Amino acid sequence: MKDFAAIDFETANNERTSVCSVGVVVVRDGEFADRFYSLIQPEPNYYNYWCTRVHGLTCRDTDEAPLFPEVWARVEPLIEGLPLVAHNKAFDETCLKAVFRCYQMDYPDYEFYCTLIASRRAFRYLADHQLHTVAAECGYRLEHHHHALADAEACAWIAREIL
């Protein structure tokens, strides 16, 4: 796969609608062409302890952030016509669909691919298939795991190698 957009969401709580940040990395002809990151005011707008512990974000970070529809208006032109790729698409795709429903937006039925599933086939010998483990196997050192843009970049690196 030479043309795609890798995407990663972080959430504020256990609700899939609570996306609080998004990272997107666009790959065209196998080359990194564009990057986008934004904080998002989550819906519902509260953070649970466990999510904050994972990514470090709190209400202080996102209280002044734009709502999802405003952020997506900036993402949409970047990814137009491209398949989306996520490491554990089951999470990111359900977040995207849930937040589209939450804001009563028409979901364009994006084509989604999963580097987690692909990595289990490609690297059966790995002890685990977590993003940082698979990225390292593909030659990418993920230094800021659970930052949406860093995770999207790691996913893009993996996708270029195995999809």
N, C-alpha and C. Protein backbone atom coordinates (compact mmCIF):
# COMPACT_ATOMS: atom_id res chain seq x y z
N MET A 1 0.85 -1.18 0.00
CA MET A 1 0.00 0.00 0.00
C MET A 1 0.90 1.24 0.00
N LYS A 2 0.70 2.09 -0.99
CA LYS A 2 1.55 3.28 -1.11
C LYS A 2 0.85 4.57 -0.73
N ASP A 3 -0.49 4.57 -0.78
CA ASP A 3 -1.26 5.77 -0.47
C ASP A 3 -2.28 5.45 0.61
N PHE A 4 -2.17 6.12 1.75
CA PHE A 4 -3.10 5.89 2.85
C PHE A 4 -2.93 7.00 3.89
N ALA A 5 -3.82 7.00 4.87
CA ALA A 5 -3.70 7.92 6.00
C ALA A 5 -3.75 7.08 7.28
N ALA A 6 -2.71 7.15 8.06
CA ALA A 6 -2.69 6.50 9.37
C ALA A 6 -3.34 7.43 10.37
N ILE A 7 -4.18 6.86 11.24
CA ILE A 7 -4.92 7.70 12.18
C ILE A 7 -4.89 7.07 13.57
N ASP A 8 -4.84 7.94 14.57
CA ASP A 8 -4.88 7.47 15.96
C ASP A 8 -5.68 8.46 16.79
N PHE A 9 -6.53 7.89 17.66
CA PHE A 9 -7.30 8.69 18.61
C PHE A 9 -6.88 8.34 20.02
N GLU A 10 -6.94 9.32 20.90
CA GLU A 10 -6.88 9.09 22.34
C GLU A 10 -8.24 9.50 22.89
N THR A 11 -8.68 8.83 23.93
CA THR A 11 -9.99 9.12 24.52
C THR A 11 -9.84 9.58 25.97
N ALA A 12 -10.82 10.36 26.41
CA ALA A 12 -10.80 10.95 27.75
C ALA A 12 -11.35 10.00 28.81
N ASN A 13 -12.24 9.11 28.38
CA ASN A 13 -12.89 8.18 29.31
C ASN A 13 -13.28 6.93 28.54
N ASN A 14 -14.13 6.10 29.11
CA ASN A 14 -14.47 4.83 28.47
C ASN A 14 -15.48 4.96 27.34
N GLU A 15 -16.03 6.15 27.13
CA GLU A 15 -16.97 6.36 26.03
C GLU A 15 -16.18 6.56 24.73
N ARG A 16 -16.56 5.84 23.69
CA ARG A 16 -15.87 5.96 22.41
C ARG A 16 -16.03 7.36 21.81
N THR A 17 -17.05 8.09 22.21
CA THR A 17 -17.26 9.46 21.71
C THR A 17 -16.30 10.46 22.34
N SER A 18 -15.56 10.04 23.35
CA SER A 18 -14.75 10.98 24.12
C SER A 18 -13.36 11.22 23.53
N VAL A 19 -13.26 11.22 22.20
CA VAL A 19 -11.95 11.48 21.60
C VAL A 19 -11.44 12.84 22.07
N CYS A 20 -10.21 12.85 22.53
CA CYS A 20 -9.63 14.09 23.07
C CYS A 20 -8.41 14.54 22.29
N SER A 21 -7.92 13.68 21.40
CA SER A 21 -6.86 14.08 20.48
C SER A 21 -6.87 13.15 19.28
N VAL A 22 -6.37 13.68 18.16
CA VAL A 22 -6.26 12.89 16.94
C VAL A 22 -4.92 13.20 16.29
N GLY A 23 -4.33 12.16 15.74
CA GLY A 23 -3.12 12.30 14.94
C GLY A 23 -3.35 11.63 13.60
N VAL A 24 -2.93 12.28 12.54
CA VAL A 24 -3.08 11.74 11.18
C VAL A 24 -1.75 11.92 10.45
N VAL A 25 -1.32 10.86 9.79
CA VAL A 25 -0.13 10.92 8.95
C VAL A 25 -0.54 10.43 7.57
N VAL A 26 -0.37 11.28 6.57
CA VAL A 26 -0.73 10.95 5.19
C VAL A 26 0.51 10.45 4.46
N VAL A 27 0.37 9.30 3.80
CA VAL A 27 1.45 8.72 3.01
C VAL A 27 0.98 8.66 1.56
N ARG A 28 1.79 9.22 0.67
CA ARG A 28 1.50 9.19 -0.77
C ARG A 28 2.73 8.68 -1.50
N ASP A 29 2.52 7.73 -2.37
CA ASP A 29 3.63 7.08 -3.10
C ASP A 29 4.69 6.57 -2.14
N GLY A 30 4.25 6.09 -0.98
CA GLY A 30 5.17 5.50 -0.01
C GLY A 30 5.96 6.52 0.81
N GLU A 31 5.70 7.79 0.61
CA GLU A 31 6.43 8.85 1.32
C GLU A 31 5.50 9.61 2.25
N PHE A 32 6.03 10.03 3.38
CA PHE A 32 5.26 10.83 4.33
C PHE A 32 4.99 12.19 3.68
N ALA A 33 3.71 12.49 3.46
CA ALA A 33 3.35 13.70 2.73
C ALA A 33 2.78 14.79 3.62
N ASP A 34 2.11 14.40 4.71
CA ASP A 34 1.47 15.40 5.57
C ASP A 34 1.24 14.81 6.95
N ARG A 35 1.17 15.71 7.93
CA ARG A 35 0.88 15.33 9.32
C ARG A 35 -0.10 16.32 9.90
N PHE A 36 -0.96 15.81 10.79
CA PHE A 36 -1.93 16.68 11.44
C PHE A 36 -2.15 16.17 12.86
N TYR A 37 -2.20 17.13 13.80
CA TYR A 37 -2.50 16.79 15.19
C TYR A 37 -3.40 17.86 15.77
N SER A 38 -4.36 17.43 16.57
CA SER A 38 -5.19 18.40 17.29
C SER A 38 -5.72 17.80 18.57
N LEU A 39 -5.79 18.64 19.57
CA LEU A 39 -6.57 18.30 20.75
C LEU A 39 -8.04 18.50 20.39
N ILE A 40 -8.92 17.80 21.09
CA ILE A 40 -10.36 17.87 20.84
C ILE A 40 -11.07 17.92 22.19
N GLN A 41 -12.06 18.77 22.30
CA GLN A 41 -12.86 18.78 23.52
C GLN A 41 -13.75 17.52 23.49
N PRO A 42 -13.56 16.63 24.46
CA PRO A 42 -14.26 15.34 24.39
C PRO A 42 -15.75 15.46 24.73
N GLU A 43 -16.49 14.44 24.29
CA GLU A 43 -17.91 14.34 24.60
C GLU A 43 -18.20 12.91 25.04
N PRO A 44 -18.53 12.68 26.30
CA PRO A 44 -18.71 13.65 27.37
C PRO A 44 -17.38 14.22 27.84
N ASN A 45 -17.46 15.43 28.38
CA ASN A 45 -16.25 16.18 28.70
C ASN A 45 -15.79 15.94 30.14
N TYR A 46 -15.25 14.75 30.36
CA TYR A 46 -14.58 14.45 31.62
C TYR A 46 -13.50 13.40 31.34
N TYR A 47 -12.52 13.35 32.21
CA TYR A 47 -11.41 12.41 32.08
C TYR A 47 -11.44 11.42 33.22
N ASN A 48 -11.27 10.15 32.91
CA ASN A 48 -11.11 9.21 34.00
C ASN A 48 -9.62 9.03 34.29
N TYR A 49 -9.36 8.55 35.47
CA TYR A 49 -7.99 8.39 35.95
C TYR A 49 -7.15 7.55 34.99
N TRP A 50 -7.70 6.43 34.52
CA TRP A 50 -6.93 5.48 33.72
C TRP A 50 -6.54 6.06 32.37
N CYS A 51 -7.44 6.76 31.73
CA CYS A 51 -7.11 7.35 30.43
C CYS A 51 -6.05 8.44 30.58
N THR A 52 -6.21 9.28 31.58
CA THR A 52 -5.20 10.31 31.83
C THR A 52 -3.85 9.68 32.14
N ARG A 53 -3.87 8.60 32.87
CA ARG A 53 -2.62 7.91 33.20
C ARG A 53 -1.91 7.40 31.94
N VAL A 54 -2.69 6.97 30.95
CA VAL A 54 -2.12 6.46 29.71
C VAL A 54 -1.52 7.59 28.87
N HIS A 55 -2.30 8.65 28.59
CA HIS A 55 -1.83 9.67 27.64
C HIS A 55 -1.45 11.00 28.28
N GLY A 56 -1.79 11.20 29.55
CA GLY A 56 -1.38 12.41 30.25
C GLY A 56 -2.27 13.63 30.04
N LEU A 57 -3.33 13.50 29.25
CA LEU A 57 -4.21 14.65 28.99
C LEU A 57 -5.27 14.79 30.07
N THR A 58 -5.65 16.04 30.34
CA THR A 58 -6.69 16.34 31.32
C THR A 58 -7.60 17.44 30.75
N CYS A 59 -8.62 17.78 31.50
CA CYS A 59 -9.53 18.86 31.08
C CYS A 59 -8.77 20.16 30.83
N ARG A 60 -7.73 20.42 31.60
CA ARG A 60 -6.94 21.65 31.40
C ARG A 60 -6.38 21.73 29.98
N ASP A 61 -6.10 20.57 29.41
CA ASP A 61 -5.54 20.53 28.05
C ASP A 61 -6.58 20.78 26.98
N THR A 62 -7.83 20.37 27.24
CA THR A 62 -8.82 20.37 26.16
C THR A 62 -10.04 21.27 26.39
N ASP A 63 -10.12 21.94 27.52
CA ASP A 63 -11.29 22.79 27.76
C ASP A 63 -11.46 23.89 26.71
N GLU A 64 -10.38 24.36 26.15
CA GLU A 64 -10.45 25.39 25.12
C GLU A 64 -10.25 24.82 23.72
N ALA A 65 -10.16 23.49 23.61
CA ALA A 65 -9.93 22.84 22.32
C ALA A 65 -11.22 22.86 21.48
N PRO A 66 -11.09 22.76 20.18
CA PRO A 66 -12.28 22.73 19.32
C PRO A 66 -13.06 21.43 19.49
N LEU A 67 -14.32 21.47 19.12
CA LEU A 67 -15.15 20.27 19.10
C LEU A 67 -14.78 19.42 17.88
N PHE A 68 -15.17 18.16 17.93
CA PHE A 68 -14.82 17.23 16.86
C PHE A 68 -15.20 17.72 15.46
N PRO A 69 -16.41 18.22 15.22
CA PRO A 69 -16.74 18.63 13.85
C PRO A 69 -15.78 19.67 13.26
N GLU A 70 -15.32 20.58 14.09
CA GLU A 70 -14.36 21.60 13.63
C GLU A 70 -13.02 20.97 13.28
N VAL A 71 -12.58 20.03 14.11
CA VAL A 71 -11.31 19.34 13.85
C VAL A 71 -11.44 18.49 12.59
N TRP A 72 -12.55 17.76 12.47
CA TRP A 72 -12.71 16.87 11.32
C TRP A 72 -12.79 17.66 10.01
N ALA A 73 -13.28 18.87 10.06
CA ALA A 73 -13.32 19.72 8.86
C ALA A 73 -11.90 19.99 8.35
N ARG A 74 -10.93 19.93 9.22
CA ARG A 74 -9.52 20.11 8.82
C ARG A 74 -8.89 18.79 8.38
N VAL A 75 -9.35 17.68 8.98
CA VAL A 75 -8.80 16.36 8.64
C VAL A 75 -9.32 15.87 7.29
N GLU A 76 -10.60 16.07 7.08
CA GLU A 76 -11.27 15.50 5.90
C GLU A 76 -10.56 15.78 4.58
N PRO A 77 -10.15 17.02 4.30
CA PRO A 77 -9.47 17.27 3.01
C PRO A 77 -8.12 16.54 2.91
N LEU A 78 -7.46 16.32 4.04
CA LEU A 78 -6.16 15.63 4.03
C LEU A 78 -6.29 14.17 3.63
N ILE A 79 -7.39 13.54 4.04
CA ILE A 79 -7.53 12.10 3.86
C ILE A 79 -8.46 11.73 2.71
N GLU A 80 -8.97 12.72 2.00
CA GLU A 80 -9.94 12.47 0.93
C GLU A 80 -9.43 11.43 -0.07
N GLY A 81 -10.23 10.40 -0.28
CA GLY A 81 -9.90 9.37 -1.25
C GLY A 81 -8.90 8.33 -0.77
N LEU A 82 -8.44 8.44 0.47
CA LEU A 82 -7.43 7.52 0.98
C LEU A 82 -8.06 6.50 1.94
N PRO A 83 -7.55 5.27 1.92
CA PRO A 83 -7.95 4.33 2.97
C PRO A 83 -7.30 4.75 4.29
N LEU A 84 -7.94 4.43 5.39
CA LEU A 84 -7.40 4.73 6.71
C LEU A 84 -6.74 3.48 7.28
N VAL A 85 -5.70 3.71 8.05
CA VAL A 85 -4.96 2.62 8.69
C VAL A 85 -4.83 2.96 10.16
N ALA A 86 -5.04 1.96 11.01
CA ALA A 86 -4.87 2.15 12.46
C ALA A 86 -4.27 0.89 13.05
N HIS A 87 -3.55 1.06 14.13
CA HIS A 87 -3.04 -0.10 14.87
C HIS A 87 -4.11 -0.42 15.92
N ASN A 88 -4.86 -1.44 15.66
CA ASN A 88 -6.07 -1.83 16.38
C ASN A 88 -7.24 -1.00 15.87
N LYS A 89 -7.57 -1.25 14.63
CA LYS A 89 -8.66 -0.51 13.98
C LYS A 89 -9.97 -0.68 14.72
N ALA A 90 -10.14 -1.77 15.45
CA ALA A 90 -11.38 -1.98 16.20
C ALA A 90 -11.63 -0.82 17.15
N PHE A 91 -10.59 -0.27 17.74
CA PHE A 91 -10.73 0.87 18.63
C PHE A 91 -10.94 2.16 17.85
N ASP A 92 -10.02 2.48 16.96
CA ASP A 92 -10.06 3.78 16.27
C ASP A 92 -11.27 3.92 15.36
N GLU A 93 -11.64 2.86 14.66
CA GLU A 93 -12.80 2.92 13.79
C GLU A 93 -14.09 3.09 14.58
N THR A 94 -14.21 2.38 15.72
CA THR A 94 -15.42 2.55 16.53
C THR A 94 -15.47 3.94 17.15
N CYS A 95 -14.33 4.50 17.52
CA CYS A 95 -14.31 5.89 18.01
C CYS A 95 -14.80 6.84 16.92
N LEU A 96 -14.28 6.68 15.72
CA LEU A 96 -14.65 7.57 14.62
C LEU A 96 -16.15 7.47 14.33
N LYS A 97 -16.66 6.26 14.25
CA LYS A 97 -18.09 6.09 13.98
C LYS A 97 -18.94 6.66 15.11
N ALA A 98 -18.52 6.43 16.35
CA ALA A 98 -19.28 6.91 17.51
C ALA A 98 -19.34 8.43 17.55
N VAL A 99 -18.23 9.09 17.29
CA VAL A 99 -18.21 10.55 17.36
C VAL A 99 -18.96 11.16 16.18
N PHE A 100 -18.94 10.50 15.04
CA PHE A 100 -19.77 10.95 13.92
C PHE A 100 -21.25 10.88 14.31
N ARG A 101 -21.67 9.77 14.93
CA ARG A 101 -23.06 9.63 15.39
C ARG A 101 -23.41 10.67 16.44
N CYS A 102 -22.49 10.89 17.37
CA CYS A 102 -22.70 11.83 18.47
C CYS A 102 -23.02 13.23 17.93
N TYR A 103 -22.30 13.63 16.90
CA TYR A 103 -22.50 14.97 16.34
C TYR A 103 -23.43 14.97 15.12
N GLN A 104 -24.11 13.85 14.92
CA GLN A 104 -25.08 13.71 13.83
C GLN A 104 -24.49 14.09 12.48
N MET A 105 -23.28 13.58 12.25
CA MET A 105 -22.58 13.80 10.98
C MET A 105 -22.74 12.54 10.13
N ASP A 106 -22.82 12.72 8.82
CA ASP A 106 -22.91 11.57 7.90
C ASP A 106 -21.55 10.91 7.80
N TYR A 107 -21.51 9.62 8.15
CA TYR A 107 -20.25 8.87 8.11
C TYR A 107 -19.98 8.41 6.68
N PRO A 108 -18.82 8.73 6.11
CA PRO A 108 -18.55 8.39 4.71
C PRO A 108 -18.13 6.95 4.46
N ASP A 109 -18.23 6.08 5.44
CA ASP A 109 -17.89 4.66 5.30
C ASP A 109 -16.45 4.48 4.83
N TYR A 110 -15.53 5.02 5.61
CA TYR A 110 -14.11 4.94 5.29
C TYR A 110 -13.65 3.48 5.22
N GLU A 111 -12.75 3.22 4.28
CA GLU A 111 -12.10 1.92 4.20
C GLU A 111 -10.99 1.91 5.25
N PHE A 112 -11.00 0.92 6.13
CA PHE A 112 -10.05 0.85 7.24
C PHE A 112 -9.21 -0.42 7.14
N TYR A 113 -7.91 -0.29 7.40
CA TYR A 113 -7.01 -1.43 7.49
C TYR A 113 -6.38 -1.42 8.87
N CYS A 114 -5.94 -2.61 9.32
CA CYS A 114 -5.43 -2.75 10.68
C CYS A 114 -4.01 -3.29 10.68
N THR A 115 -3.08 -2.50 11.20
CA THR A 115 -1.69 -2.96 11.29
C THR A 115 -1.50 -3.96 12.42
N LEU A 116 -2.38 -3.94 13.42
CA LEU A 116 -2.28 -4.93 14.49
C LEU A 116 -2.55 -6.32 13.93
N ILE A 117 -3.64 -6.47 13.20
CA ILE A 117 -3.97 -7.78 12.60
C ILE A 117 -2.88 -8.20 11.63
N ALA A 118 -2.45 -7.27 10.78
CA ALA A 118 -1.41 -7.59 9.80
C ALA A 118 -0.10 -7.97 10.48
N SER A 119 0.23 -7.31 11.59
CA SER A 119 1.50 -7.61 12.28
C SER A 119 1.47 -8.99 12.93
N ARG A 120 0.30 -9.44 13.34
CA ARG A 120 0.20 -10.80 13.91
C ARG A 120 0.50 -11.86 12.86
N ARG A 121 0.18 -11.57 11.61
CA ARG A 121 0.50 -12.51 10.51
C ARG A 121 1.97 -12.36 10.10
N ALA A 122 2.42 -11.13 9.99
CA ALA A 122 3.77 -10.88 9.48
C ALA A 122 4.87 -11.21 10.49
N PHE A 123 4.58 -11.00 11.77
CA PHE A 123 5.60 -11.16 12.81
C PHE A 123 5.11 -12.11 13.90
N ARG A 124 4.80 -13.33 13.51
CA ARG A 124 4.28 -14.32 14.47
C ARG A 124 5.23 -14.57 15.63
N TYR A 125 6.50 -14.36 15.41
CA TYR A 125 7.52 -14.65 16.40
C TYR A 125 7.64 -13.59 17.50
N LEU A 126 7.02 -12.44 17.35
CA LEU A 126 7.13 -11.40 18.38
C LEU A 126 6.41 -11.82 19.66
N ALA A 127 6.94 -11.41 20.79
CA ALA A 127 6.34 -11.74 22.08
C ALA A 127 4.97 -11.06 22.25
N ASP A 128 4.82 -9.87 21.68
CA ASP A 128 3.54 -9.18 21.67
C ASP A 128 3.46 -8.35 20.40
N HIS A 129 2.32 -7.80 20.13
CA HIS A 129 2.13 -7.01 18.91
C HIS A 129 1.64 -5.60 19.24
N GLN A 130 2.11 -5.11 20.39
CA GLN A 130 1.81 -3.73 20.76
C GLN A 130 2.49 -2.79 19.77
N LEU A 131 1.93 -1.60 19.67
CA LEU A 131 2.42 -0.64 18.67
C LEU A 131 3.92 -0.42 18.77
N HIS A 132 4.43 -0.17 19.95
CA HIS A 132 5.86 0.12 20.07
C HIS A 132 6.72 -1.09 19.71
N THR A 133 6.24 -2.29 20.00
CA THR A 133 7.00 -3.51 19.68
C THR A 133 7.07 -3.71 18.17
N VAL A 134 5.93 -3.59 17.50
CA VAL A 134 5.88 -3.80 16.05
C VAL A 134 6.64 -2.68 15.34
N ALA A 135 6.48 -1.46 15.81
CA ALA A 135 7.21 -0.34 15.20
C ALA A 135 8.71 -0.57 15.27
N ALA A 136 9.20 -1.04 16.42
CA ALA A 136 10.63 -1.32 16.56
C ALA A 136 11.07 -2.40 15.58
N GLU A 137 10.23 -3.41 15.39
CA GLU A 137 10.55 -4.49 14.44
C GLU A 137 10.64 -3.94 13.02
N CYS A 138 9.91 -2.89 12.74
CA CYS A 138 9.92 -2.26 11.41
C CYS A 138 10.95 -1.14 11.31
N GLY A 139 11.76 -0.95 12.35
CA GLY A 139 12.84 0.02 12.30
C GLY A 139 12.48 1.41 12.78
N TYR A 140 11.33 1.54 13.45
CA TYR A 140 10.90 2.84 13.95
C TYR A 140 10.89 2.84 15.47
N ARG A 141 11.52 3.83 16.06
CA ARG A 141 11.56 3.94 17.51
C ARG A 141 10.46 4.90 17.97
N LEU A 142 9.45 4.37 18.64
CA LEU A 142 8.33 5.17 19.12
C LEU A 142 8.69 5.74 20.48
N GLU A 143 8.94 7.05 20.53
CA GLU A 143 9.40 7.68 21.76
C GLU A 143 8.28 8.29 22.60
N HIS A 144 7.17 8.65 21.99
CA HIS A 144 6.09 9.32 22.72
C HIS A 144 4.79 8.53 22.58
N HIS A 145 4.87 7.25 22.99
CA HIS A 145 3.71 6.36 22.88
C HIS A 145 2.50 6.98 23.59
N HIS A 146 1.35 6.88 22.96
CA HIS A 146 0.06 7.42 23.41
C HIS A 146 -0.07 8.92 23.19
N HIS A 147 0.82 9.49 22.41
CA HIS A 147 0.57 10.80 21.82
C HIS A 147 0.02 10.48 20.44
N ALA A 148 -1.16 11.00 20.11
CA ALA A 148 -1.87 10.56 18.91
C ALA A 148 -1.03 10.71 17.63
N LEU A 149 -0.28 11.78 17.50
CA LEU A 149 0.51 11.96 16.28
C LEU A 149 1.68 10.97 16.24
N ALA A 150 2.34 10.78 17.36
CA ALA A 150 3.45 9.82 17.41
C ALA A 150 2.95 8.41 17.09
N ASP A 151 1.80 8.05 17.64
CA ASP A 151 1.24 6.72 17.38
C ASP A 151 0.81 6.58 15.92
N ALA A 152 0.24 7.63 15.33
CA ALA A 152 -0.13 7.59 13.91
C ALA A 152 1.11 7.44 13.04
N GLU A 153 2.17 8.12 13.42
CA GLU A 153 3.42 8.01 12.64
C GLU A 153 3.99 6.60 12.73
N ALA A 154 3.97 6.01 13.91
CA ALA A 154 4.44 4.63 14.07
C ALA A 154 3.58 3.68 13.24
N CYS A 155 2.28 3.89 13.26
CA CYS A 155 1.36 3.07 12.47
C CYS A 155 1.66 3.20 10.98
N ALA A 156 1.90 4.41 10.53
CA ALA A 156 2.23 4.64 9.11
C ALA A 156 3.52 3.93 8.74
N TRP A 157 4.48 3.98 9.62
CA TRP A 157 5.77 3.30 9.38
C TRP A 157 5.54 1.80 9.21
N ILE A 158 4.73 1.23 10.11
CA ILE A 158 4.42 -0.20 10.05
C ILE A 158 3.66 -0.53 8.75
N ALA A 159 2.66 0.29 8.44
CA ALA A 159 1.85 0.04 7.25
C ALA A 159 2.70 0.04 5.98
N ARG A 160 3.65 0.94 5.91
CA ARG A 160 4.54 0.98 4.72
C ARG A 160 5.32 -0.31 4.59
N GLU A 161 5.62 -0.93 5.72
CA GLU A 161 6.44 -2.15 5.71
C GLU A 161 5.63 -3.41 5.41
N ILE A 162 4.41 -3.51 5.96
CA ILE A 162 3.73 -4.80 5.91
C ILE A 162 2.37 -4.82 5.20
N LEU A 163 1.84 -3.68 4.83
CA LEU A 163 0.54 -3.71 4.13
C LEU A 163 0.75 -3.63 2.61
